[in-house]
Amino acid sequence: MADTQVADIADWFMSNIDTPLVIRKEEQGDIDQVRMTVRKVSFLSGSPDRDDYVEEDRLVLFGEGRIATEGDGGAAALPRDSYEIPLQPGFRCQIDGAELRVATDRAAYHVVPQ
């Protein structure tokens, strides 16, 4: 089922290529918001490193964007013109019309076209 969900998420982003998006991430009470125009979508499979730490699967969005954190009043360019959504085991996704929601044990993402 997770493979199907990864494909659904990637398809959603692919159908919104070159569309300005707002990505809202909530993690441990902190809210970050990114405004981004996605140009390319990649899926990177996690792999263990030499210390047996397993890096998570993740969806990488490439494009221009800016990130702002709640309360700082400013915004900065995305590092490396990319944004990653880690897909931990057991993540969930919901596509409702033009909106995409992805939830993991650590964070919740809500993505909408601008």
Protein backbone atom coordinates (compact mmCIF):
# COMPACT_ATOMS: atom_id res chain seq x y z
CA MET A 1 0.00 0.00 0.00
CA ALA A 2 2.84 2.42 0.74
CA ASP A 3 4.16 2.03 -2.82
CA THR A 4 0.73 2.99 -4.13
CA GLN A 5 0.67 6.00 -1.82
CA VAL A 6 4.15 7.10 -2.96
CA ALA A 7 2.96 6.91 -6.56
CA ASP A 8 -0.21 8.87 -5.68
CA ILE A 9 1.81 11.62 -3.99
CA ALA A 10 4.32 11.80 -6.87
CA ASP A 11 1.47 11.88 -9.41
CA TRP A 12 -0.20 14.71 -7.49
CA PHE A 13 2.99 16.78 -7.56
CA MET A 14 3.57 15.91 -11.24
CA SER A 15 0.07 17.19 -12.07
CA ASN A 16 1.01 20.44 -10.31
CA ILE A 17 4.37 21.02 -12.02
CA ASP A 18 4.92 24.76 -12.64
CA THR A 19 1.99 25.62 -10.34
CA PRO A 20 2.80 27.77 -7.29
CA LEU A 21 2.17 25.66 -4.17
CA VAL A 22 1.99 26.33 -0.46
CA ILE A 23 3.44 23.52 1.68
CA ARG A 24 2.57 23.78 5.37
CA LYS A 25 4.50 21.48 7.71
CA GLU A 26 3.56 21.02 11.35
CA GLU A 27 6.06 19.22 13.57
CA GLN A 28 6.03 19.15 17.38
CA GLY A 29 3.97 22.33 17.56
CA ASP A 30 6.18 24.26 15.12
CA ILE A 31 4.74 25.36 11.79
CA ASP A 32 6.84 26.03 8.70
CA GLN A 33 5.41 27.27 5.46
CA VAL A 34 7.01 27.02 2.04
CA ARG A 35 5.86 28.69 -1.15
CA MET A 36 7.29 26.76 -4.05
CA THR A 37 6.93 26.19 -7.76
CA VAL A 38 7.87 22.56 -8.36
CA ARG A 39 9.81 21.83 -11.56
CA LYS A 40 10.80 18.19 -10.92
CA VAL A 41 9.88 15.40 -8.48
CA SER A 42 12.18 12.55 -7.39
CA PHE A 43 11.81 9.64 -5.00
CA LEU A 44 14.92 8.65 -3.07
CA SER A 45 14.94 5.29 -1.36
CA GLY A 46 16.41 5.20 2.12
CA SER A 47 19.49 3.17 2.81
CA PRO A 48 21.51 2.25 5.88
CA ASP A 49 24.76 4.10 6.39
CA ARG A 50 27.91 2.75 7.96
CA ASP A 51 26.54 3.32 11.49
CA ASP A 52 23.43 1.21 10.77
CA TYR A 53 21.27 4.34 10.82
CA VAL A 54 18.58 3.85 8.17
CA GLU A 55 17.92 6.96 6.16
CA GLU A 56 14.23 7.35 5.36
CA ASP A 57 12.61 7.15 1.96
CA ARG A 58 11.80 10.67 0.82
CA LEU A 59 10.17 12.62 -1.92
CA VAL A 60 12.34 15.46 -3.17
CA LEU A 61 10.73 18.46 -4.84
CA PHE A 62 12.98 20.61 -7.02
CA GLY A 63 12.13 24.20 -7.91
CA GLU A 64 12.22 27.76 -6.73
CA GLY A 65 10.74 28.61 -3.39
CA ARG A 66 10.93 30.41 -0.09
CA ILE A 67 10.49 29.13 3.46
CA ALA A 68 9.18 31.08 6.44
CA THR A 69 8.92 29.87 10.01
CA GLU A 70 6.13 30.97 12.28
CA GLY A 71 6.95 34.14 14.16
CA ASP A 72 10.17 35.11 12.39
CA GLY A 73 8.44 37.47 9.96
CA GLY A 74 10.92 36.72 7.20
CA ALA A 75 11.53 34.24 4.46
CA ALA A 76 14.64 32.68 2.95
CA ALA A 77 15.30 30.88 -0.31
CA LEU A 78 15.09 27.10 -0.18
CA PRO A 79 18.52 25.49 0.22
CA ARG A 80 19.64 23.86 -3.04
CA ASP A 81 16.27 24.80 -4.63
CA SER A 82 14.73 21.64 -3.17
CA TYR A 83 12.34 20.52 -0.45
CA GLU A 84 12.20 17.02 1.04
CA ILE A 85 9.22 15.18 2.48
CA PRO A 86 10.47 12.18 4.51
CA LEU A 87 8.22 9.15 4.10
CA GLN A 88 8.61 7.14 7.28
CA PRO A 89 7.20 3.60 7.40
CA GLY A 90 3.48 3.81 8.04
CA PHE A 91 3.02 7.30 6.55
CA ARG A 92 -0.46 8.20 5.34
CA CYS A 93 -1.64 10.37 2.48
CA GLN A 94 -4.96 11.87 1.51
CA ILE A 95 -5.81 13.62 -1.73
CA ASP A 96 -8.96 15.70 -1.53
CA GLY A 97 -9.61 17.62 -4.72
CA ALA A 98 -6.75 20.08 -5.15
CA GLU A 99 -5.31 19.41 -1.67
CA LEU A 100 -2.70 16.87 -0.60
CA ARG A 101 -2.09 15.80 2.99
CA VAL A 102 0.79 13.59 4.11
CA ALA A 103 1.14 12.49 7.73
CA THR A 104 4.05 10.68 9.35
CA ASP A 105 4.72 9.88 13.00
CA ARG A 106 6.82 13.04 13.16
CA ALA A 107 5.11 15.66 10.98
CA ALA A 108 2.01 16.56 8.99
CA TYR A 109 2.16 18.23 5.58
CA HIS A 110 -0.70 20.08 3.89
CA VAL A 111 -0.11 21.15 0.28
CA VAL A 112 -2.40 23.35 -1.79
CA PRO A 113 -2.04 25.20 -5.10
CA GLN A 114 -1.75 28.95 -4.57
